[in-house]
PDB file of N, CA and C in Angstrom:
ATOM      1  N   MET A   1      15.847 -14.931 -11.502  1.00  0.00           N
ATOM      2  CA  MET A   1      15.208 -15.617 -10.403  1.00  0.00           C
ATOM      3  C   MET A   1      13.920 -16.257 -10.901  1.00  0.00           C
ATOM      4  N   ASN A   2      13.767 -17.530 -10.688  1.00  0.00           N
ATOM      5  CA  ASN A   2      12.581 -18.247 -11.131  1.00  0.00           C
ATOM      6  C   ASN A   2      11.561 -18.325 -10.012  1.00  0.00           C
ATOM      7  N   LEU A   3      10.304 -18.080 -10.383  1.00  0.00           N
ATOM      8  CA  LEU A   3       9.227 -18.186  -9.408  1.00  0.00           C
ATOM      9  C   LEU A   3       8.929 -19.647  -9.094  1.00  0.00           C
ATOM     10  N   PHE A   4       9.042 -20.506 -10.103  1.00  0.00           N
ATOM     11  CA  PHE A   4       8.788 -21.932  -9.937  1.00  0.00           C
ATOM     12  C   PHE A   4      10.072 -22.718 -10.206  1.00  0.00           C
ATOM     13  N   PRO A   5      10.292 -23.830  -9.500  1.00  0.00           N
ATOM     14  CA  PRO A   5      11.430 -24.693  -9.858  1.00  0.00           C
ATOM     15  C   PRO A   5      11.247 -25.218 -11.280  1.00  0.00           C
ATOM     16  N   ASN A   6      12.345 -25.599 -11.919  1.00  0.00           N
ATOM     17  CA  ASN A   6      12.302 -26.022 -13.322  1.00  0.00           C
ATOM     18  C   ASN A   6      11.354 -27.189 -13.564  1.00  0.00           C
ATOM     19  N   PHE A   7      11.282 -28.148 -12.635  1.00  0.00           N
ATOM     20  CA  PHE A   7      10.438 -29.309 -12.885  1.00  0.00           C
ATOM     21  C   PHE A   7       8.945 -28.990 -12.760  1.00  0.00           C
ATOM     22  N   ILE A   8       8.578 -27.861 -12.149  1.00  0.00           N
ATOM     23  CA  ILE A   8       7.166 -27.493 -11.991  1.00  0.00           C
ATOM     24  C   ILE A   8       6.705 -26.551 -13.107  1.00  0.00           C
ATOM     25  N   GLN A   9       7.632 -25.858 -13.739  1.00  0.00           N
ATOM     26  CA  GLN A   9       7.260 -24.826 -14.701  1.00  0.00           C
ATOM     27  C   GLN A   9       6.301 -25.300 -15.790  1.00  0.00           C
ATOM     28  N   PRO A  10       6.510 -26.454 -16.418  1.00  0.00           N
ATOM     29  CA  PRO A  10       5.567 -26.847 -17.473  1.00  0.00           C
ATOM     30  C   PRO A  10       4.147 -27.048 -16.954  1.00  0.00           C
ATOM     31  N   TYR A  11       3.999 -27.481 -15.727  1.00  0.00           N
ATOM     32  CA  TYR A  11       2.672 -27.769 -15.188  1.00  0.00           C
ATOM     33  C   TYR A  11       2.007 -26.516 -14.631  1.00  0.00           C
ATOM     34  N   GLY A  12       2.747 -25.695 -13.932  1.00  0.00           N
ATOM     35  CA  GLY A  12       2.182 -24.514 -13.303  1.00  0.00           C
ATOM     36  C   GLY A  12       1.775 -23.445 -14.295  1.00  0.00           C
ATOM     37  N   LEU A  13       2.568 -23.248 -15.345  1.00  0.00           N
ATOM     38  CA  LEU A  13       2.292 -22.175 -16.275  1.00  0.00           C
ATOM     39  C   LEU A  13       1.199 -22.523 -17.271  1.00  0.00           C
ATOM     40  N   GLN A  14       0.964 -23.807 -17.523  1.00  0.00           N
ATOM     41  CA  GLN A  14      -0.100 -24.181 -18.454  1.00  0.00           C
ATOM     42  C   GLN A  14      -1.465 -23.839 -17.879  1.00  0.00           C
ATOM     43  N   GLY A  15      -1.630 -23.989 -16.591  1.00  0.00           N
ATOM     44  CA  GLY A  15      -2.921 -23.728 -15.977  1.00  0.00           C
ATOM     45  C   GLY A  15      -3.137 -22.281 -15.590  1.00  0.00           C
ATOM     46  N   LEU A  16      -2.138 -21.433 -15.756  1.00  0.00           N
ATOM     47  CA  LEU A  16      -2.244 -20.045 -15.327  1.00  0.00           C
ATOM     48  C   LEU A  16      -3.369 -19.286 -16.028  1.00  0.00           C
ATOM     49  N   PRO A  17      -3.519 -19.353 -17.359  1.00  0.00           N
ATOM     50  CA  PRO A  17      -4.630 -18.630 -17.996  1.00  0.00           C
ATOM     51  C   PRO A  17      -5.996 -19.085 -17.474  1.00  0.00           C
ATOM     52  N   PHE A  18      -6.138 -20.367 -17.203  1.00  0.00           N
ATOM     53  CA  PHE A  18      -7.401 -20.882 -16.666  1.00  0.00           C
ATOM     54  C   PHE A  18      -7.705 -20.244 -15.319  1.00  0.00           C
ATOM     55  N   TRP A  19      -6.708 -20.185 -14.440  1.00  0.00           N
ATOM     56  CA  TRP A  19      -6.923 -19.613 -13.110  1.00  0.00           C
ATOM     57  C   TRP A  19      -7.221 -18.121 -13.198  1.00  0.00           C
ATOM     58  N   CYS A  20      -6.572 -17.419 -14.113  1.00  0.00           N
ATOM     59  CA  CYS A  20      -6.841 -15.987 -14.281  1.00  0.00           C
ATOM     60  C   CYS A  20      -8.290 -15.756 -14.714  1.00  0.00           C
ATOM     61  N   GLN A  21      -8.782 -16.588 -15.643  1.00  0.00           N
ATOM     62  CA  GLN A  21     -10.164 -16.461 -16.088  1.00  0.00           C
ATOM     63  C   GLN A  21     -11.136 -16.812 -14.966  1.00  0.00           C
ATOM     64  N   LEU A  22     -10.774 -17.770 -14.154  1.00  0.00           N
ATOM     65  CA  LEU A  22     -11.640 -18.194 -13.063  1.00  0.00           C
ATOM     66  C   LEU A  22     -11.721 -17.137 -11.966  1.00  0.00           C
ATOM     67  N   ILE A  23     -10.617 -16.483 -11.664  1.00  0.00           N
ATOM     68  CA  ILE A  23     -10.552 -15.542 -10.548  1.00  0.00           C
ATOM     69  C   ILE A  23     -11.009 -14.138 -10.948  1.00  0.00           C
ATOM     70  N   HIS A  24     -10.951 -13.790 -12.228  1.00  0.00           N
ATOM     71  CA  HIS A  24     -11.271 -12.431 -12.666  1.00  0.00           C
ATOM     72  C   HIS A  24     -12.646 -11.945 -12.185  1.00  0.00           C
ATOM     73  N   PRO A  25     -13.736 -12.709 -12.311  1.00  0.00           N
ATOM     74  CA  PRO A  25     -15.027 -12.213 -11.807  1.00  0.00           C
ATOM     75  C   PRO A  25     -15.003 -11.927 -10.307  1.00  0.00           C
ATOM     76  N   LEU A  26     -14.231 -12.695  -9.567  1.00  0.00           N
ATOM     77  CA  LEU A  26     -14.151 -12.459  -8.123  1.00  0.00           C
ATOM     78  C   LEU A  26     -13.473 -11.125  -7.823  1.00  0.00           C
ATOM     79  N   SER A  27     -12.488 -10.757  -8.626  1.00  0.00           N
ATOM     80  CA  SER A  27     -11.821  -9.474  -8.407  1.00  0.00           C
ATOM     81  C   SER A  27     -12.777  -8.318  -8.692  1.00  0.00           C
ATOM     82  N   LEU A  28     -13.671  -8.474  -9.663  1.00  0.00           N
ATOM     83  CA  LEU A  28     -14.649  -7.431  -9.952  1.00  0.00           C
ATOM     84  C   LEU A  28     -15.632  -7.275  -8.797  1.00  0.00           C
ATOM     85  N   ILE A  29     -16.035  -8.387  -8.210  1.00  0.00           N
ATOM     86  CA  ILE A  29     -16.928  -8.332  -7.049  1.00  0.00           C
ATOM     87  C   ILE A  29     -16.217  -7.655  -5.883  1.00  0.00           C
ATOM     88  N   GLY A  30     -14.953  -7.983  -5.686  1.00  0.00           N
ATOM     89  CA  GLY A  30     -14.188  -7.370  -4.607  1.00  0.00           C
ATOM     90  C   GLY A  30     -14.083  -5.866  -4.762  1.00  0.00           C
ATOM     91  N   LYS A  31     -13.930  -5.395  -5.991  1.00  0.00           N
ATOM     92  CA  LYS A  31     -13.852  -3.953  -6.223  1.00  0.00           C
ATOM     93  C   LYS A  31     -15.162  -3.266  -5.868  1.00  0.00           C
ATOM     94  N   CYS A  32     -16.282  -3.943  -6.089  1.00  0.00           N
ATOM     95  CA  CYS A  32     -17.585  -3.356  -5.763  1.00  0.00           C
ATOM     96  C   CYS A  32     -17.840  -3.344  -4.257  1.00  0.00           C
ATOM     97  N   LEU A  33     -17.307  -4.302  -3.535  1.00  0.00           N
ATOM     98  CA  LEU A  33     -17.579  -4.420  -2.106  1.00  0.00           C
ATOM     99  C   LEU A  33     -16.638  -3.615  -1.227  1.00  0.00           C
ATOM    100  N   THR A  34     -15.518  -3.175  -1.755  1.00  0.00           N
ATOM    101  CA  THR A  34     -14.560  -2.436  -0.940  1.00  0.00           C
ATOM    102  C   THR A  34     -14.701  -0.933  -1.180  1.00  0.00           C
ATOM    103  N   HIS A  35     -14.144  -0.173  -0.288  1.00  0.00           N
ATOM    104  CA  HIS A  35     -14.217   1.282  -0.370  1.00  0.00           C
ATOM    105  C   HIS A  35     -12.845   1.884  -0.650  1.00  0.00           C
ATOM    106  N   VAL A  36     -12.013   1.156  -1.361  1.00  0.00           N
ATOM    107  CA  VAL A  36     -10.647   1.602  -1.600  1.00  0.00           C
ATOM    108  C   VAL A  36     -10.619   2.882  -2.428  1.00  0.00           C
ATOM    109  N   LYS A  37     -11.349   2.933  -3.516  1.00  0.00           N
ATOM    110  CA  LYS A  37     -11.346   4.126  -4.371  1.00  0.00           C
ATOM    111  C   LYS A  37     -11.888   5.343  -3.616  1.00  0.00           C
ATOM    112  N   ASN A  38     -12.924   5.133  -2.812  1.00  0.00           N
ATOM    113  CA  ASN A  38     -13.483   6.222  -2.021  1.00  0.00           C
ATOM    114  C   ASN A  38     -12.461   6.733  -1.012  1.00  0.00           C
ATOM    115  N   ALA A  39     -11.771   5.819  -0.346  1.00  0.00           N
ATOM    116  CA  ALA A  39     -10.738   6.202   0.624  1.00  0.00           C
ATOM    117  C   ALA A  39      -9.592   6.913  -0.077  1.00  0.00           C
ATOM    118  N   GLN A  40      -9.255   6.469  -1.260  1.00  0.00           N
ATOM    119  CA  GLN A  40      -8.180   7.094  -2.034  1.00  0.00           C
ATOM    120  C   GLN A  40      -8.563   8.527  -2.401  1.00  0.00           C
ATOM    121  N   ARG A  41      -9.800   8.735  -2.828  1.00  0.00           N
ATOM    122  CA  ARG A  41     -10.252  10.094  -3.174  1.00  0.00           C
ATOM    123  C   ARG A  41     -10.244  11.008  -1.951  1.00  0.00           C
ATOM    124  N   LYS A  42     -10.685  10.481  -0.806  1.00  0.00           N
ATOM    125  CA  LYS A  42     -10.672  11.284   0.420  1.00  0.00           C
ATOM    126  C   LYS A  42      -9.248  11.666   0.807  1.00  0.00           C
ATOM    127  N   ALA A  43      -8.339  10.710   0.715  1.00  0.00           N
ATOM    128  CA  ALA A  43      -6.941  10.985   1.055  1.00  0.00           C
ATOM    129  C   ALA A  43      -6.353  12.008   0.090  1.00  0.00           C
ATOM    130  N   GLU A  44      -6.689  11.915  -1.186  1.00  0.00           N
ATOM    131  CA  GLU A  44      -6.186  12.881  -2.167  1.00  0.00           C
ATOM    132  C   GLU A  44      -6.716  14.277  -1.881  1.00  0.00           C
ATOM    133  N   ARG A  45      -8.002  14.393  -1.510  1.00  0.00           N
ATOM    134  CA  ARG A  45      -8.549  15.712  -1.182  1.00  0.00           C
ATOM    135  C   ARG A  45      -7.820  16.333   0.004  1.00  0.00           C
ATOM    136  N   PHE A  46      -7.385  15.498   0.923  1.00  0.00           N
ATOM    137  CA  PHE A  46      -6.700  15.993   2.109  1.00  0.00           C
ATOM    138  C   PHE A  46      -5.214  16.245   1.855  1.00  0.00           C
ATOM    139  N   LEU A  47      -4.533  15.293   1.193  1.00  0.00           N
ATOM    140  CA  LEU A  47      -3.073  15.347   1.100  1.00  0.00           C
ATOM    141  C   LEU A  47      -2.529  16.128  -0.091  1.00  0.00           C
ATOM    142  N   VAL A  48      -3.214  16.123  -1.223  1.00  0.00           N
ATOM    143  CA  VAL A  48      -2.671  16.784  -2.416  1.00  0.00           C
ATOM    144  C   VAL A  48      -2.391  18.267  -2.162  1.00  0.00           C
ATOM    145  N   PRO A  49      -3.308  19.040  -1.541  1.00  0.00           N
ATOM    146  CA  PRO A  49      -2.961  20.444  -1.265  1.00  0.00           C
ATOM    147  C   PRO A  49      -1.755  20.595  -0.335  1.00  0.00           C
ATOM    148  N   ILE A  50      -1.619  19.704   0.643  1.00  0.00           N
ATOM    149  CA  ILE A  50      -0.480  19.757   1.562  1.00  0.00           C
ATOM    150  C   ILE A  50       0.813  19.464   0.815  1.00  0.00           C
ATOM    151  N   ILE A  51       0.786  18.441  -0.036  1.00  0.00           N
ATOM    152  CA  ILE A  51       1.985  18.081  -0.800  1.00  0.00           C
ATOM    153  C   ILE A  51       2.384  19.208  -1.745  1.00  0.00           C
ATOM    154  N   GLU A  52       1.400  19.785  -2.444  1.00  0.00           N
ATOM    155  CA  GLU A  52       1.706  20.887  -3.365  1.00  0.00           C
ATOM    156  C   GLU A  52       2.272  22.084  -2.612  1.00  0.00           C
ATOM    157  N   GLU A  53       1.729  22.375  -1.426  1.00  0.00           N
ATOM    158  CA  GLU A  53       2.251  23.477  -0.622  1.00  0.00           C
ATOM    159  C   GLU A  53       3.692  23.197  -0.185  1.00  0.00           C
ATOM    160  N   ARG A  54       3.966  21.961   0.193  1.00  0.00           N
ATOM    161  CA  ARG A  54       5.326  21.618   0.624  1.00  0.00           C
ATOM    162  C   ARG A  54       6.320  21.665  -0.531  1.00  0.00           C
ATOM    163  N   TYR A  55       5.881  21.339  -1.739  1.00  0.00           N
ATOM    164  CA  TYR A  55       6.785  21.441  -2.890  1.00  0.00           C
ATOM    165  C   TYR A  55       7.167  22.901  -3.160  1.00  0.00           C
ATOM    166  N   ARG A  56       6.268  23.831  -2.810  1.00  0.00           N
ATOM    167  CA  ARG A  56       6.584  25.247  -3.009  1.00  0.00           C
ATOM    168  C   ARG A  56       7.584  25.757  -1.967  1.00  0.00           C
ATOM    169  N   LEU A  57       7.673  25.077  -0.813  1.00  0.00           N
ATOM    170  CA  LEU A  57       8.617  25.483   0.232  1.00  0.00           C
ATOM    171  C   LEU A  57      10.029  25.021  -0.121  1.00  0.00           C
ATOM    172  N   PRO A  58      11.029  25.779   0.306  1.00  0.00           N
ATOM    173  CA  PRO A  58      12.404  25.276   0.155  1.00  0.00           C
ATOM    174  C   PRO A  58      12.597  24.029   1.023  1.00  0.00           C
ATOM    175  N   PRO A  59      13.445  23.093   0.611  1.00  0.00           N
ATOM    176  CA  PRO A  59      13.607  21.836   1.361  1.00  0.00           C
ATOM    177  C   PRO A  59      13.976  22.027   2.829  1.00  0.00           C
ATOM    178  N   GLU A  60      14.727  23.073   3.162  1.00  0.00           N
ATOM    179  CA  GLU A  60      15.133  23.254   4.555  1.00  0.00           C
ATOM    180  C   GLU A  60      13.987  23.762   5.432  1.00  0.00           C
ATOM    181  N   GLU A  61      12.908  24.270   4.837  1.00  0.00           N
ATOM    182  CA  GLU A  61      11.765  24.758   5.616  1.00  0.00           C
ATOM    183  C   GLU A  61      10.656  23.718   5.756  1.00  0.00           C
ATOM    184  N   ARG A  62      10.787  22.591   5.094  1.00  0.00           N
ATOM    185  CA  ARG A  62       9.762  21.546   5.198  1.00  0.00           C
ATOM    186  C   ARG A  62       9.847  20.857   6.555  1.00  0.00           C
ATOM    187  N   PRO A  63       8.699  20.439   7.091  1.00  0.00           N
ATOM    188  CA  PRO A  63       8.730  19.704   8.364  1.00  0.00           C
ATOM    189  C   PRO A  63       9.500  18.394   8.215  1.00  0.00           C
ATOM    190  N   ASN A  64      10.033  17.915   9.307  1.00  0.00           N
ATOM    191  CA  ASN A  64      10.781  16.659   9.298  1.00  0.00           C
ATOM    192  C   ASN A  64       9.817  15.526   9.670  1.00  0.00           C
ATOM    193  N   ASP A  65       9.076  15.034   8.691  1.00  0.00           N
ATOM    194  CA  ASP A  65       8.125  13.951   8.924  1.00  0.00           C
ATOM    195  C   ASP A  65       8.148  12.979   7.749  1.00  0.00           C
ATOM    196  N   MET A  66       7.318  11.949   7.849  1.00  0.00           N
ATOM    197  CA  MET A  66       7.334  10.893   6.835  1.00  0.00           C
ATOM    198  C   MET A  66       6.974  11.420   5.444  1.00  0.00           C
ATOM    199  N   LEU A  67       6.009  12.322   5.383  1.00  0.00           N
ATOM    200  CA  LEU A  67       5.619  12.863   4.085  1.00  0.00           C
ATOM    201  C   LEU A  67       6.793  13.587   3.419  1.00  0.00           C
ATOM    202  N   SER A  68       7.540  14.346   4.186  1.00  0.00           N
ATOM    203  CA  SER A  68       8.716  15.028   3.626  1.00  0.00           C
ATOM    204  C   SER A  68       9.769  14.025   3.177  1.00  0.00           C
ATOM    205  N   TRP A  69       9.934  12.958   3.938  1.00  0.00           N
ATOM    206  CA  TRP A  69      10.906  11.921   3.544  1.00  0.00           C
ATOM    207  C   TRP A  69      10.494  11.279   2.230  1.00  0.00           C
ATOM    208  N   LEU A  70       9.201  10.972   2.093  1.00  0.00           N
ATOM    209  CA  LEU A  70       8.716  10.383   0.838  1.00  0.00           C
ATOM    210  C   LEU A  70       8.912  11.354  -0.324  1.00  0.00           C
ATOM    211  N   MET A  71       8.677  12.633  -0.073  1.00  0.00           N
ATOM    212  CA  MET A  71       8.843  13.635  -1.124  1.00  0.00           C
ATOM    213  C   MET A  71      10.303  13.764  -1.538  1.00  0.00           C
ATOM    214  N   GLU A  72      11.217  13.693  -0.582  1.00  0.00           N
ATOM    215  CA  GLU A  72      12.642  13.802  -0.901  1.00  0.00           C
ATOM    216  C   GLU A  72      13.144  12.614  -1.711  1.00  0.00           C
ATOM    217  N   ASP A  73      12.630  11.419  -1.413  1.00  0.00           N
ATOM    218  CA  ASP A  73      13.095  10.214  -2.096  1.00  0.00           C
ATOM    219  C   ASP A  73      12.395   9.971  -3.426  1.00  0.00           C
ATOM    220  N   ALA A  74      11.319  10.697  -3.704  1.00  0.00           N
ATOM    221  CA  ALA A  74      10.548  10.477  -4.925  1.00  0.00           C
ATOM    222  C   ALA A  74      11.337  10.942  -6.152  1.00  0.00           C
ATOM    223  N   VAL A  75      11.243  10.145  -7.229  1.00  0.00           N
ATOM    224  CA  VAL A  75      11.930  10.453  -8.488  1.00  0.00           C
ATOM    225  C   VAL A  75      10.929  10.263  -9.629  1.00  0.00           C
ATOM    226  N   GLY A  76      10.940  11.172 -10.585  1.00  0.00           N
ATOM    227  CA  GLY A  76      10.109  11.029 -11.778  1.00  0.00           C
ATOM    228  C   GLY A  76       8.628  11.070 -11.453  1.00  0.00           C
ATOM    229  N   GLU A  77       7.899  10.037 -11.898  1.00  0.00           N
ATOM    230  CA  GLU A  77       6.456   9.957 -11.671  1.00  0.00           C
ATOM    231  C   GLU A  77       6.096   9.884 -10.191  1.00  0.00           C
ATOM    232  N   GLU A  78       7.020   9.400  -9.392  1.00  0.00           N
ATOM    233  CA  GLU A  78       6.764   9.270  -7.963  1.00  0.00           C
ATOM    234  C   GLU A  78       6.553  10.633  -7.304  1.00  0.00           C
ATOM    235  N   ARG A  79       6.989  11.706  -7.945  1.00  0.00           N
ATOM    236  CA  ARG A  79       6.844  13.048  -7.372  1.00  0.00           C
ATOM    237  C   ARG A  79       5.421  13.588  -7.501  1.00  0.00           C
ATOM    238  N   ASP A  80       4.593  12.943  -8.300  1.00  0.00           N
ATOM    239  CA  ASP A  80       3.210  13.371  -8.465  1.00  0.00           C
ATOM    240  C   ASP A  80       2.475  13.280  -7.120  1.00  0.00           C
ATOM    241  N   PRO A  81       1.734  14.320  -6.717  1.00  0.00           N
ATOM    242  CA  PRO A  81       1.040  14.283  -5.428  1.00  0.00           C
ATOM    243  C   PRO A  81       0.084  13.101  -5.257  1.00  0.00           C
ATOM    244  N   ARG A  82      -0.550  12.658  -6.342  1.00  0.00           N
ATOM    245  CA  ARG A  82      -1.457  11.514  -6.234  1.00  0.00           C
ATOM    246  C   ARG A  82      -0.680  10.217  -5.937  1.00  0.00           C
ATOM    247  N   ASN A  83       0.479  10.067  -6.552  1.00  0.00           N
ATOM    248  CA  ASN A  83       1.314   8.894  -6.268  1.00  0.00           C
ATOM    249  C   ASN A  83       1.835   8.930  -4.836  1.00  0.00           C
ATOM    250  N   LEU A  84       2.207  10.117  -4.360  1.00  0.00           N
ATOM    251  CA  LEU A  84       2.658  10.229  -2.972  1.00  0.00           C
ATOM    252  C   LEU A  84       1.524   9.917  -2.003  1.00  0.00           C
ATOM    253  N   THR A  85       0.304  10.294  -2.370  1.00  0.00           N
ATOM    254  CA  THR A  85      -0.851   9.969  -1.528  1.00  0.00           C
ATOM    255  C   THR A  85      -1.011   8.456  -1.409  1.00  0.00           C
ATOM    256  N   LEU A  86      -0.855   7.752  -2.518  1.00  0.00           N
ATOM    257  CA  LEU A  86      -0.952   6.288  -2.476  1.00  0.00           C
ATOM    258  C   LEU A  86       0.145   5.695  -1.592  1.00  0.00           C
ATOM    259  N   ARG A  87       1.339   6.256  -1.667  1.00  0.00           N
ATOM    260  CA  ARG A  87       2.430   5.763  -0.818  1.00  0.00           C
ATOM    261  C   ARG A  87       2.111   5.953   0.655  1.00  0.00           C
ATOM    262  N   VAL A  88       1.541   7.108   0.995  1.00  0.00           N
ATOM    263  CA  VAL A  88       1.167   7.366   2.390  1.00  0.00           C
ATOM    264  C   VAL A  88       0.118   6.349   2.840  1.00  0.00           C
ATOM    265  N   LEU A  89      -0.860   6.062   1.978  1.00  0.00           N
ATOM    266  CA  LEU A  89      -1.884   5.086   2.332  1.00  0.00           C
ATOM    267  C   LEU A  89      -1.287   3.697   2.538  1.00  0.00           C
ATOM    268  N   VAL A  90      -0.344   3.315   1.690  1.00  0.00           N
ATOM    269  CA  VAL A  90       0.298   2.005   1.824  1.00  0.00           C
ATOM    270  C   VAL A  90       1.096   1.921   3.116  1.00  0.00           C
ATOM    271  N   VAL A  91       1.838   2.981   3.422  1.00  0.00           N
ATOM    272  CA  VAL A  91       2.624   2.987   4.655  1.00  0.00           C
ATOM    273  C   VAL A  91       1.700   2.937   5.866  1.00  0.00           C
ATOM    274  N   ASN A  92       0.590   3.678   5.826  1.00  0.00           N
ATOM    275  CA  ASN A  92      -0.366   3.641   6.936  1.00  0.00           C
ATOM    276  C   ASN A  92      -0.973   2.257   7.097  1.00  0.00           C
ATOM    277  N   PHE A  93      -1.338   1.632   5.979  1.00  0.00           N
ATOM    278  CA  PHE A  93      -1.884   0.277   6.045  1.00  0.00           C
ATOM    279  C   PHE A  93      -0.878  -0.678   6.682  1.00  0.00           C
ATOM    280  N   ALA A  94       0.367  -0.598   6.244  1.00  0.00           N
ATOM    281  CA  ALA A  94       1.401  -1.484   6.776  1.00  0.00           C
ATOM    282  C   ALA A  94       1.618  -1.232   8.262  1.00  0.00           C
ATOM    283  N   ALA A  95       1.618   0.031   8.667  1.00  0.00           N
ATOM    284  CA  ALA A  95       1.839   0.358  10.073  1.00  0.00           C
ATOM    285  C   ALA A  95       0.697  -0.153  10.941  1.00  0.00           C
ATOM    286  N   ILE A  96      -0.538   0.044  10.492  1.00  0.00           N
ATOM    287  CA  ILE A  96      -1.697  -0.419  11.272  1.00  0.00           C
ATOM    288  C   ILE A  96      -1.718  -1.936  11.326  1.00  0.00           C
ATOM    289  N   HIS A  97      -1.465  -2.585  10.195  1.00  0.00           N
ATOM    290  CA  HIS A  97      -1.472  -4.046  10.141  1.00  0.00           C
ATOM    291  C   HIS A  97      -0.401  -4.614  11.068  1.00  0.00           C
ATOM    292  N   THR A  98       0.793  -4.061  11.010  1.00  0.00           N
ATOM    293  CA  THR A  98       1.892  -4.554  11.845  1.00  0.00           C
ATOM    294  C   THR A  98       1.583  -4.359  13.314  1.00  0.00           C
ATOM    295  N   THR A  99       1.059  -3.191  13.660  1.00  0.00           N
ATOM    296  CA  THR A  99       0.728  -2.909  15.059  1.00  0.00           C
ATOM    297  C   THR A  99      -0.342  -3.860  15.574  1.00  0.00           C
ATOM    298  N   SER A 100      -1.360  -4.105  14.773  1.00  0.00           N
ATOM    299  CA  SER A 100      -2.422  -5.000  15.227  1.00  0.00           C
ATOM    300  C   SER A 100      -1.921  -6.441  15.340  1.00  0.00           C
ATOM    301  N   ARG A 101      -1.044  -6.850  14.442  1.00  0.00           N
ATOM    302  CA  ARG A 101      -0.487  -8.204  14.518  1.00  0.00           C
ATOM    303  C   ARG A 101       0.371  -8.372  15.774  1.00  0.00           C
ATOM    304  N   VAL A 102       1.169  -7.363  16.108  1.00  0.00           N
ATOM    305  CA  VAL A 102       2.002  -7.429  17.310  1.00  0.00           C
ATOM    306  C   VAL A 102       1.119  -7.492  18.540  1.00  0.00           C
ATOM    307  N   ARG A 103       0.059  -6.695  18.562  1.00  0.00           N
ATOM    308  CA  ARG A 103      -0.865  -6.710  19.695  1.00  0.00           C
ATOM    309  C   ARG A 103      -1.476  -8.094  19.874  1.00  0.00           C
ATOM    310  N   CYS A 104      -1.935  -8.700  18.788  1.00  0.00           N
ATOM    311  CA  CYS A 104      -2.523 -10.049  18.872  1.00  0.00           C
ATOM    312  C   CYS A 104      -1.483 -11.051  19.359  1.00  0.00           C
ATOM    313  N   PHE A 105      -0.258 -10.931  18.864  1.00  0.00           N
ATOM    314  CA  PHE A 105       0.802 -11.838  19.277  1.00  0.00           C
ATOM    315  C   PHE A 105       1.093 -11.688  20.759  1.00  0.00           C
ATOM    316  N   LEU A 106       1.164 -10.455  21.252  1.00  0.00           N
ATOM    317  CA  LEU A 106       1.449 -10.217  22.659  1.00  0.00           C
ATOM    318  C   LEU A 106       0.296 -10.724  23.544  1.00  0.00           C
ATOM    319  N   LEU A 107      -0.939 -10.586  23.063  1.00  0.00           N
ATOM    320  CA  LEU A 107      -2.060 -11.097  23.854  1.00  0.00           C
ATOM    321  C   LEU A 107      -2.006 -12.623  23.973  1.00  0.00           C
ATOM    322  N   LYS A 108      -1.489 -13.285  22.950  1.00  0.00           N
ATOM    323  CA  LYS A 108      -1.362 -14.740  23.022  1.00  0.00           C
ATOM    324  C   LYS A 108      -0.240 -15.150  23.974  1.00  0.00           C
ATOM    325  N   LEU A 109       0.796 -14.300  24.079  1.00  0.00           N
ATOM    326  CA  LEU A 109       1.923 -14.621  24.964  1.00  0.00           C
ATOM    327  C   LEU A 109       1.578 -14.427  26.438  1.00  0.00           C
ATOM    328  N   CYS A 110       0.802 -13.393  26.722  1.00  0.00           N
ATOM    329  CA  CYS A 110       0.484 -13.094  28.116  1.00  0.00           C
ATOM    330  C   CYS A 110      -0.627 -14.013  28.614  1.00  0.00           C
ATOM    331  N   PRO A 111      -0.444 -14.600  29.772  1.00  0.00           N
ATOM    332  CA  PRO A 111      -1.508 -15.439  30.315  1.00  0.00           C
ATOM    333  C   PRO A 111      -2.692 -14.559  30.746  1.00  0.00           C
ATOM    334  N   ALA A 112      -3.867 -15.143  30.763  1.00  0.00           N
ATOM    335  CA  ALA A 112      -5.085 -14.417  31.146  1.00  0.00           C
ATOM    336  C   ALA A 112      -4.978 -13.967  32.589  1.00  0.00           C
ATOM    337  N   GLY A 113      -5.457 -12.765  32.856  1.00  0.00           N
ATOM    338  CA  GLY A 113      -5.485 -12.242  34.229  1.00  0.00           C
ATOM    339  C   GLY A 113      -4.202 -11.565  34.659  1.00  0.00           C
ATOM    340  N   VAL A 114      -3.219 -11.416  33.754  1.00  0.00           N
ATOM    341  CA  VAL A 114      -1.976 -10.752  34.143  1.00  0.00           C
ATOM    342  C   VAL A 114      -2.051  -9.297  33.799  1.00  0.00           C
TER     343      VAL A 114
END
């Protein structure tokens, strides 16, 4: 599968290193302004003990929730509690983003005063 059509490839790929060099400082600034690493550490402090405790339980005694589903489907490195914590954060982000987008969409559909 090609990301670019064949006639664009020579032009798009030549400028790619330039754009990477141009955008790289902005990504460093973004890392300083966001609290992603802090949120990740907080989530790990909360979830890693829970995940480790659930791994010690037999599968039939684990609660039937999203975390257990992620643990059951995890293979290899994905079974690491820190990786599972990141998956939970991604799923939460997606759920919140989707819910807020639907809410905004519904507010646009409903006339004012209804």
